[in-house]
Amino acid sequence: MEQTSLVFALVAGIISFLAPCVLPLIPGFLAYLAGTSVSEAGTHRKEVFINSIFFVLGFSSVFAALGVLLNTVLEAVAYDVQVWLGRVGGAIIILFGLYLTGLIKISFLDREHKLTVKKQFHSKYLTSFVFGAAFAAGWTPCVGAVLGSILALAATQPGSAFSLLFAYAIGLGIPFLVVGLFAGQASAMIQRYARAFRYVNVVFGILLIGLGVLIFTSNLNLIANFEFLNTWLL
């Protein structure tokens, strides 16, 4: 069951990266951190990539610290409390899934809540790291529902909280590094397939609803054992 959850968290990180309101801005943002433009990113590829690494380290550090905090706070709670955490977490995940599919509206997710960093440090790498940490602390309409679902999942599995958030950070970080390495080409590809990326949230929303139902009913182990296939076949 833990391995299944880790794979889900990894995929969730990639989905966050592909969010329609985030993805088109990434090449330009990474180029900005490196002190160049998207059109010139090809000639400054090394600088853009190194800044991308520090940006990823920034948000990964925040997610790792959050995972340790959840693990420490929730791991010692009684079994009965963990059962209720599963029910509450499952309900939250279902809610976020419905939001991503567009079936319901959640007003506070439709508003942008994010932490901005205005200070530029003397070191570009330190600036990129701080911006990465701010990105993790931010709450944008596109990323919020997916990250919120992973936090809810982590709350239902306290012992795996650190691993889940670390897997999420890896899923989110690897595409950032790829775009940082090929910022110029990535910008053109993103514009070409922008419409297709809009359907990613809907598909993932449907998966979230199914996951939330399994967690709410304490049947998440059915995925790991593939017992749900036998149920349908029989």
C-alpha atoms as a PDB file:
ATOM      1  CA  MET A   1       0.000   0.000   0.000  1.00  0.00           C
ATOM      2  CA  GLU A   2       2.849   2.400   0.861  1.00  0.00           C
ATOM      3  CA  GLN A   3       4.514   1.817  -2.522  1.00  0.00           C
ATOM      4  CA  THR A   4       1.235   2.588  -4.306  1.00  0.00           C
ATOM      5  CA  SER A   5       0.869   5.830  -2.336  1.00  0.00           C
ATOM      6  CA  LEU A   6       4.429   6.851  -3.180  1.00  0.00           C
ATOM      7  CA  VAL A   7       3.807   6.323  -6.889  1.00  0.00           C
ATOM      8  CA  PHE A   8       0.631   8.376  -6.599  1.00  0.00           C
ATOM      9  CA  ALA A   9       2.522  11.184  -4.825  1.00  0.00           C
ATOM     10  CA  LEU A  10       5.200  11.131  -7.535  1.00  0.00           C
ATOM     11  CA  VAL A  11       2.554  11.411 -10.258  1.00  0.00           C
ATOM     12  CA  ALA A  12       0.846  14.186  -8.289  1.00  0.00           C
ATOM     13  CA  GLY A  13       4.065  16.186  -8.390  1.00  0.00           C
ATOM     14  CA  ILE A  14       4.188  15.876 -12.172  1.00  0.00           C
ATOM     15  CA  ILE A  15       0.516  16.886 -12.391  1.00  0.00           C
ATOM     16  CA  SER A  16       1.255  19.999 -10.328  1.00  0.00           C
ATOM     17  CA  PHE A  17       3.973  20.910 -12.796  1.00  0.00           C
ATOM     18  CA  LEU A  18       1.567  20.462 -15.723  1.00  0.00           C
ATOM     19  CA  ALA A  19      -1.071  22.747 -14.182  1.00  0.00           C
ATOM     20  CA  PRO A  20      -2.376  25.114 -16.917  1.00  0.00           C
ATOM     21  CA  CYS A  21      -1.840  28.256 -14.825  1.00  0.00           C
ATOM     22  CA  VAL A  22       1.732  27.294 -13.867  1.00  0.00           C
ATOM     23  CA  LEU A  23       3.320  25.470 -16.805  1.00  0.00           C
ATOM     24  CA  PRO A  24       3.375  28.329 -19.373  1.00  0.00           C
ATOM     25  CA  LEU A  25       5.176  30.599 -16.893  1.00  0.00           C
ATOM     26  CA  ILE A  26       7.960  28.201 -15.903  1.00  0.00           C
ATOM     27  CA  PRO A  27      10.499  28.655 -18.759  1.00  0.00           C
ATOM     28  CA  GLY A  28      10.395  32.443 -18.449  1.00  0.00           C
ATOM     29  CA  PHE A  29      10.545  32.313 -14.667  1.00  0.00           C
ATOM     30  CA  LEU A  30      13.591  30.031 -14.603  1.00  0.00           C
ATOM     31  CA  ALA A  31      15.301  32.205 -17.195  1.00  0.00           C
ATOM     32  CA  TYR A  32      14.528  35.261 -15.056  1.00  0.00           C
ATOM     33  CA  LEU A  33      16.169  33.643 -12.029  1.00  0.00           C
ATOM     34  CA  ALA A  34      19.282  33.042 -14.114  1.00  0.00           C
ATOM     35  CA  GLY A  35      19.316  36.678 -15.254  1.00  0.00           C
ATOM     36  CA  THR A  36      18.486  36.009 -18.899  1.00  0.00           C
ATOM     37  CA  SER A  37      15.448  35.644 -21.166  1.00  0.00           C
ATOM     38  CA  VAL A  38      13.740  32.627 -22.734  1.00  0.00           C
ATOM     39  CA  SER A  39      15.037  33.587 -26.175  1.00  0.00           C
ATOM     40  CA  GLU A  40      18.615  33.617 -24.843  1.00  0.00           C
ATOM     41  CA  ALA A  41      18.229  30.616 -22.535  1.00  0.00           C
ATOM     42  CA  GLY A  42      19.898  28.334 -25.069  1.00  0.00           C
ATOM     43  CA  THR A  43      23.153  30.246 -24.824  1.00  0.00           C
ATOM     44  CA  HIS A  44      22.963  30.351 -21.015  1.00  0.00           C
ATOM     45  CA  ARG A  45      21.815  26.767 -20.568  1.00  0.00           C
ATOM     46  CA  LYS A  46      24.259  25.925 -17.779  1.00  0.00           C
ATOM     47  CA  GLU A  47      23.305  28.993 -15.726  1.00  0.00           C
ATOM     48  CA  VAL A  48      19.569  28.374 -16.123  1.00  0.00           C
ATOM     49  CA  PHE A  49      19.984  24.713 -15.181  1.00  0.00           C
ATOM     50  CA  ILE A  50      22.040  25.453 -12.043  1.00  0.00           C
ATOM     51  CA  ASN A  51      19.475  28.008 -10.885  1.00  0.00           C
ATOM     52  CA  SER A  52      16.771  25.423 -11.546  1.00  0.00           C
ATOM     53  CA  ILE A  53      18.590  23.006  -9.233  1.00  0.00           C
ATOM     54  CA  PHE A  54      18.615  25.544  -6.400  1.00  0.00           C
ATOM     55  CA  PHE A  55      14.960  26.391  -7.048  1.00  0.00           C
ATOM     56  CA  VAL A  56      14.042  22.697  -6.769  1.00  0.00           C
ATOM     57  CA  LEU A  57      16.161  22.348  -3.612  1.00  0.00           C
ATOM     58  CA  GLY A  58      14.234  25.274  -2.126  1.00  0.00           C
ATOM     59  CA  PHE A  59      10.770  23.785  -2.433  1.00  0.00           C
ATOM     60  CA  SER A  60      12.020  20.246  -1.738  1.00  0.00           C
ATOM     61  CA  SER A  61      13.435  21.418   1.618  1.00  0.00           C
ATOM     62  CA  VAL A  62      10.070  22.873   2.619  1.00  0.00           C
ATOM     63  CA  PHE A  63       8.175  19.715   1.622  1.00  0.00           C
ATOM     64  CA  ALA A  64      10.705  17.519   3.460  1.00  0.00           C
ATOM     65  CA  ALA A  65      10.394  19.626   6.634  1.00  0.00           C
ATOM     66  CA  LEU A  66       6.600  19.475   6.381  1.00  0.00           C
ATOM     67  CA  GLY A  67       6.774  15.692   6.012  1.00  0.00           C
ATOM     68  CA  VAL A  68       8.922  15.380   9.138  1.00  0.00           C
ATOM     69  CA  LEU A  69       6.499  17.620  11.039  1.00  0.00           C
ATOM     70  CA  LEU A  70       3.450  15.572  10.006  1.00  0.00           C
ATOM     71  CA  ASN A  71       5.275  12.354  10.822  1.00  0.00           C
ATOM     72  CA  THR A  72       6.258  13.592  14.285  1.00  0.00           C
ATOM     73  CA  VAL A  73       2.859  15.043  15.183  1.00  0.00           C
ATOM     74  CA  LEU A  74       0.571  12.319  13.818  1.00  0.00           C
ATOM     75  CA  GLU A  75       2.501   9.059  14.127  1.00  0.00           C
ATOM     76  CA  ALA A  76       1.851   8.719  17.868  1.00  0.00           C
ATOM     77  CA  VAL A  77      -1.921   9.289  17.720  1.00  0.00           C
ATOM     78  CA  ALA A  78      -4.273   6.522  18.760  1.00  0.00           C
ATOM     79  CA  TYR A  79      -5.684   4.041  16.250  1.00  0.00           C
ATOM     80  CA  ASP A  80      -9.223   5.404  16.566  1.00  0.00           C
ATOM     81  CA  VAL A  81      -7.947   8.873  15.736  1.00  0.00           C
ATOM     82  CA  GLN A  82      -6.104   7.502  12.687  1.00  0.00           C
ATOM     83  CA  VAL A  83      -9.354   5.927  11.482  1.00  0.00           C
ATOM     84  CA  TRP A  84     -11.088   9.299  11.666  1.00  0.00           C
ATOM     85  CA  LEU A  85      -8.094  10.966  10.003  1.00  0.00           C
ATOM     86  CA  GLY A  86      -8.587   8.506   7.148  1.00  0.00           C
ATOM     87  CA  ARG A  87     -12.229   9.437   6.808  1.00  0.00           C
ATOM     88  CA  VAL A  88     -11.586  13.172   6.952  1.00  0.00           C
ATOM     89  CA  GLY A  89      -8.606  12.870   4.613  1.00  0.00           C
ATOM     90  CA  GLY A  90     -10.593  10.754   2.162  1.00  0.00           C
ATOM     91  CA  ALA A  91     -13.430  13.295   2.144  1.00  0.00           C
ATOM     92  CA  ILE A  92     -10.966  16.130   1.499  1.00  0.00           C
ATOM     93  CA  ILE A  93      -9.349  14.225  -1.374  1.00  0.00           C
ATOM     94  CA  ILE A  94     -12.782  13.549  -2.930  1.00  0.00           C
ATOM     95  CA  LEU A  95     -13.595  17.257  -2.601  1.00  0.00           C
ATOM     96  CA  PHE A  96     -10.361  18.266  -4.342  1.00  0.00           C
ATOM     97  CA  GLY A  97     -10.996  15.663  -7.045  1.00  0.00           C
ATOM     98  CA  LEU A  98     -14.436  17.113  -7.737  1.00  0.00           C
ATOM     99  CA  TYR A  99     -12.861  20.565  -7.910  1.00  0.00           C
ATOM    100  CA  LEU A 100     -10.229  19.478 -10.452  1.00  0.00           C
ATOM    101  CA  THR A 101     -12.870  17.900 -12.680  1.00  0.00           C
ATOM    102  CA  GLY A 102     -14.814  21.158 -12.630  1.00  0.00           C
ATOM    103  CA  LEU A 103     -17.909  19.601 -11.035  1.00  0.00           C
ATOM    104  CA  ILE A 104     -17.801  21.946  -8.059  1.00  0.00           C
ATOM    105  CA  LYS A 105     -16.284  25.324  -7.239  1.00  0.00           C
ATOM    106  CA  ILE A 106     -14.232  26.049  -4.134  1.00  0.00           C
ATOM    107  CA  SER A 107     -14.004  29.795  -3.687  1.00  0.00           C
ATOM    108  CA  PHE A 108     -10.773  29.955  -1.690  1.00  0.00           C
ATOM    109  CA  LEU A 109      -9.000  27.834  -4.330  1.00  0.00           C
ATOM    110  CA  ASP A 110     -10.245  30.124  -7.092  1.00  0.00           C
ATOM    111  CA  ARG A 111      -8.487  33.034  -5.401  1.00  0.00           C
ATOM    112  CA  GLU A 112      -4.701  33.271  -5.522  1.00  0.00           C
ATOM    113  CA  HIS A 113      -2.959  32.969  -2.167  1.00  0.00           C
ATOM    114  CA  LYS A 114       0.784  32.961  -2.500  1.00  0.00           C
ATOM    115  CA  LEU A 115       3.926  34.089  -0.750  1.00  0.00           C
ATOM    116  CA  THR A 116       6.016  36.415  -2.890  1.00  0.00           C
ATOM    117  CA  VAL A 117       9.703  37.227  -2.523  1.00  0.00           C
ATOM    118  CA  LYS A 118      10.725  40.699  -3.616  1.00  0.00           C
ATOM    119  CA  LYS A 119      14.290  40.701  -2.341  1.00  0.00           C
ATOM    120  CA  GLN A 120      17.045  39.779  -4.767  1.00  0.00           C
ATOM    121  CA  PHE A 121      20.165  38.461  -3.031  1.00  0.00           C
ATOM    122  CA  HIS A 122      23.707  39.008  -4.233  1.00  0.00           C
ATOM    123  CA  SER A 123      23.902  35.323  -5.098  1.00  0.00           C
ATOM    124  CA  LYS A 124      21.569  34.180  -7.892  1.00  0.00           C
ATOM    125  CA  TYR A 125      21.646  30.689  -6.446  1.00  0.00           C
ATOM    126  CA  LEU A 126      20.483  31.857  -3.018  1.00  0.00           C
ATOM    127  CA  THR A 127      17.745  33.892  -4.705  1.00  0.00           C
ATOM    128  CA  SER A 128      16.611  30.796  -6.625  1.00  0.00           C
ATOM    129  CA  PHE A 129      16.603  28.719  -3.415  1.00  0.00           C
ATOM    130  CA  VAL A 130      14.479  31.289  -1.553  1.00  0.00           C
ATOM    131  CA  PHE A 131      12.078  31.582  -4.499  1.00  0.00           C
ATOM    132  CA  GLY A 132      11.771  27.790  -4.477  1.00  0.00           C
ATOM    133  CA  ALA A 133      10.910  27.805  -0.773  1.00  0.00           C
ATOM    134  CA  ALA A 134       8.342  30.553  -1.418  1.00  0.00           C
ATOM    135  CA  PHE A 135       6.881  28.492  -4.248  1.00  0.00           C
ATOM    136  CA  ALA A 136       6.327  25.588  -1.832  1.00  0.00           C
ATOM    137  CA  ALA A 137       4.666  27.907   0.677  1.00  0.00           C
ATOM    138  CA  GLY A 138       2.464  29.438  -2.029  1.00  0.00           C
ATOM    139  CA  TRP A 139      -1.135  28.379  -2.588  1.00  0.00           C
ATOM    140  CA  THR A 140      -2.240  28.844  -6.173  1.00  0.00           C
ATOM    141  CA  PRO A 141      -5.552  27.646  -7.621  1.00  0.00           C
ATOM    142  CA  CYS A 142      -3.928  25.027  -9.854  1.00  0.00           C
ATOM    143  CA  VAL A 143      -1.369  23.567  -7.462  1.00  0.00           C
ATOM    144  CA  GLY A 144      -3.395  23.910  -4.264  1.00  0.00           C
ATOM    145  CA  ALA A 145      -5.867  21.096  -4.907  1.00  0.00           C
ATOM    146  CA  VAL A 146      -3.184  18.564  -5.857  1.00  0.00           C
ATOM    147  CA  LEU A 147      -0.842  19.489  -3.008  1.00  0.00           C
ATOM    148  CA  GLY A 148      -3.776  19.567  -0.602  1.00  0.00           C
ATOM    149  CA  SER A 149      -4.669  16.025  -1.650  1.00  0.00           C
ATOM    150  CA  ILE A 150      -1.124  14.813  -0.941  1.00  0.00           C
ATOM    151  CA  LEU A 151      -1.190  16.488   2.473  1.00  0.00           C
ATOM    152  CA  ALA A 152      -4.521  14.800   3.200  1.00  0.00           C
ATOM    153  CA  LEU A 153      -3.068  11.464   2.071  1.00  0.00           C
ATOM    154  CA  ALA A 154      -0.023  12.031   4.296  1.00  0.00           C
ATOM    155  CA  ALA A 155      -2.324  12.727   7.252  1.00  0.00           C
ATOM    156  CA  THR A 156      -3.972   9.335   6.740  1.00  0.00           C
ATOM    157  CA  GLN A 157      -0.571   7.593   6.675  1.00  0.00           C
ATOM    158  CA  PRO A 158       1.493   9.442   9.321  1.00  0.00           C
ATOM    159  CA  GLY A 159       4.405   7.021   9.195  1.00  0.00           C
ATOM    160  CA  SER A 160       4.816   7.670   5.469  1.00  0.00           C
ATOM    161  CA  ALA A 161       4.310  11.457   5.559  1.00  0.00           C
ATOM    162  CA  PHE A 162       7.957  12.285   4.886  1.00  0.00           C
ATOM    163  CA  SER A 163       8.245   9.724   2.069  1.00  0.00           C
ATOM    164  CA  LEU A 164       5.016  10.919   0.427  1.00  0.00           C
ATOM    165  CA  LEU A 165       6.004  14.588   0.412  1.00  0.00           C
ATOM    166  CA  PHE A 166       9.527  13.737  -0.716  1.00  0.00           C
ATOM    167  CA  ALA A 167       8.089  11.681  -3.599  1.00  0.00           C
ATOM    168  CA  TYR A 168       5.823  14.628  -4.465  1.00  0.00           C
ATOM    169  CA  ALA A 169       8.866  16.936  -4.480  1.00  0.00           C
ATOM    170  CA  ILE A 170      10.713  14.551  -6.820  1.00  0.00           C
ATOM    171  CA  GLY A 171       7.734  14.398  -9.185  1.00  0.00           C
ATOM    172  CA  LEU A 172       7.527  18.184  -9.214  1.00  0.00           C
ATOM    173  CA  GLY A 173      11.274  18.743  -9.331  1.00  0.00           C
ATOM    174  CA  ILE A 174      12.390  16.506 -12.204  1.00  0.00           C
ATOM    175  CA  PRO A 175      10.267  18.330 -14.849  1.00  0.00           C
ATOM    176  CA  PHE A 176      11.592  21.645 -13.510  1.00  0.00           C
ATOM    177  CA  LEU A 177      15.147  20.445 -14.114  1.00  0.00           C
ATOM    178  CA  VAL A 178      14.290  19.219 -17.609  1.00  0.00           C
ATOM    179  CA  VAL A 179      12.720  22.569 -18.517  1.00  0.00           C
ATOM    180  CA  GLY A 180      15.675  24.374 -16.950  1.00  0.00           C
ATOM    181  CA  LEU A 181      18.014  22.425 -19.192  1.00  0.00           C
ATOM    182  CA  PHE A 182      15.953  23.031 -22.330  1.00  0.00           C
ATOM    183  CA  ALA A 183      14.130  26.286 -21.462  1.00  0.00           C
ATOM    184  CA  GLY A 184      14.042  27.654 -25.020  1.00  0.00           C
ATOM    185  CA  GLN A 185      12.714  24.494 -26.630  1.00  0.00           C
ATOM    186  CA  ALA A 186      10.362  23.790 -23.710  1.00  0.00           C
ATOM    187  CA  SER A 187       8.630  27.129 -24.114  1.00  0.00           C
ATOM    188  CA  ALA A 188       7.719  26.365 -27.732  1.00  0.00           C
ATOM    189  CA  MET A 189       6.523  22.838 -26.879  1.00  0.00           C
ATOM    190  CA  ILE A 190       4.375  24.106 -23.997  1.00  0.00           C
ATOM    191  CA  GLN A 191       2.631  26.574 -26.282  1.00  0.00           C
ATOM    192  CA  ARG A 192       2.027  23.853 -28.870  1.00  0.00           C
ATOM    193  CA  TYR A 193       0.413  21.392 -26.443  1.00  0.00           C
ATOM    194  CA  ALA A 194      -1.157  23.889 -24.016  1.00  0.00           C
ATOM    195  CA  ARG A 195      -4.703  22.777 -24.874  1.00  0.00           C
ATOM    196  CA  ALA A 196      -3.953  19.105 -24.216  1.00  0.00           C
ATOM    197  CA  PHE A 197      -2.471  19.893 -20.810  1.00  0.00           C
ATOM    198  CA  ARG A 198      -5.820  21.336 -19.720  1.00  0.00           C
ATOM    199  CA  TYR A 199      -7.320  17.845 -19.686  1.00  0.00           C
ATOM    200  CA  VAL A 200      -4.648  16.512 -17.330  1.00  0.00           C
ATOM    201  CA  ASN A 201      -6.325  18.070 -14.294  1.00  0.00           C
ATOM    202  CA  VAL A 202      -9.670  16.487 -15.196  1.00  0.00           C
ATOM    203  CA  VAL A 203      -8.184  12.989 -15.513  1.00  0.00           C
ATOM    204  CA  PHE A 204      -6.244  13.379 -12.277  1.00  0.00           C
ATOM    205  CA  GLY A 205      -9.368  14.706 -10.566  1.00  0.00           C
ATOM    206  CA  ILE A 206     -11.195  11.484 -11.440  1.00  0.00           C
ATOM    207  CA  LEU A 207      -8.304   9.470  -9.997  1.00  0.00           C
ATOM    208  CA  LEU A 208      -8.436  11.571  -6.833  1.00  0.00           C
ATOM    209  CA  ILE A 209     -12.140  10.831  -6.385  1.00  0.00           C
ATOM    210  CA  GLY A 210     -11.484   7.092  -6.639  1.00  0.00           C
ATOM    211  CA  LEU A 211      -8.529   7.331  -4.240  1.00  0.00           C
ATOM    212  CA  GLY A 212     -10.566   9.373  -1.777  1.00  0.00           C
ATOM    213  CA  VAL A 213     -13.361   6.794  -1.757  1.00  0.00           C
ATOM    214  CA  LEU A 214     -10.874   3.986  -1.054  1.00  0.00           C
ATOM    215  CA  ILE A 215      -9.249   5.950   1.779  1.00  0.00           C
ATOM    216  CA  PHE A 216     -12.604   6.956   3.277  1.00  0.00           C
ATOM    217  CA  THR A 217     -13.717   3.318   3.334  1.00  0.00           C
ATOM    218  CA  SER A 218     -10.284   2.078   4.554  1.00  0.00           C
ATOM    219  CA  ASN A 219      -9.855   0.016   1.374  1.00  0.00           C
ATOM    220  CA  LEU A 220      -6.710   1.593  -0.044  1.00  0.00           C
ATOM    221  CA  ASN A 221      -4.950  -1.783   0.229  1.00  0.00           C
ATOM    222  CA  LEU A 222      -7.202  -3.060  -2.601  1.00  0.00           C
ATOM    223  CA  ILE A 223      -5.057  -1.131  -5.079  1.00  0.00           C
ATOM    224  CA  ALA A 224      -1.833  -2.711  -3.897  1.00  0.00           C
ATOM    225  CA  ASN A 225      -3.286  -6.207  -3.942  1.00  0.00           C
ATOM    226  CA  PHE A 226      -5.247  -5.693  -7.176  1.00  0.00           C
ATOM    227  CA  GLU A 227      -8.232  -7.140  -5.373  1.00  0.00           C
ATOM    228  CA  PHE A 228     -10.449  -4.479  -6.874  1.00  0.00           C
ATOM    229  CA  LEU A 229      -9.915  -6.097 -10.294  1.00  0.00           C
ATOM    230  CA  ASN A 230     -11.119  -9.426  -8.984  1.00  0.00           C
ATOM    231  CA  THR A 231     -14.152  -7.719  -7.447  1.00  0.00           C
ATOM    232  CA  TRP A 232     -15.146  -6.224 -10.783  1.00  0.00           C
ATOM    233  CA  LEU A 233     -14.459  -9.406 -12.727  1.00  0.00           C
ATOM    234  CA  LEU A 234     -16.554 -11.495 -10.327  1.00  0.00           C
END
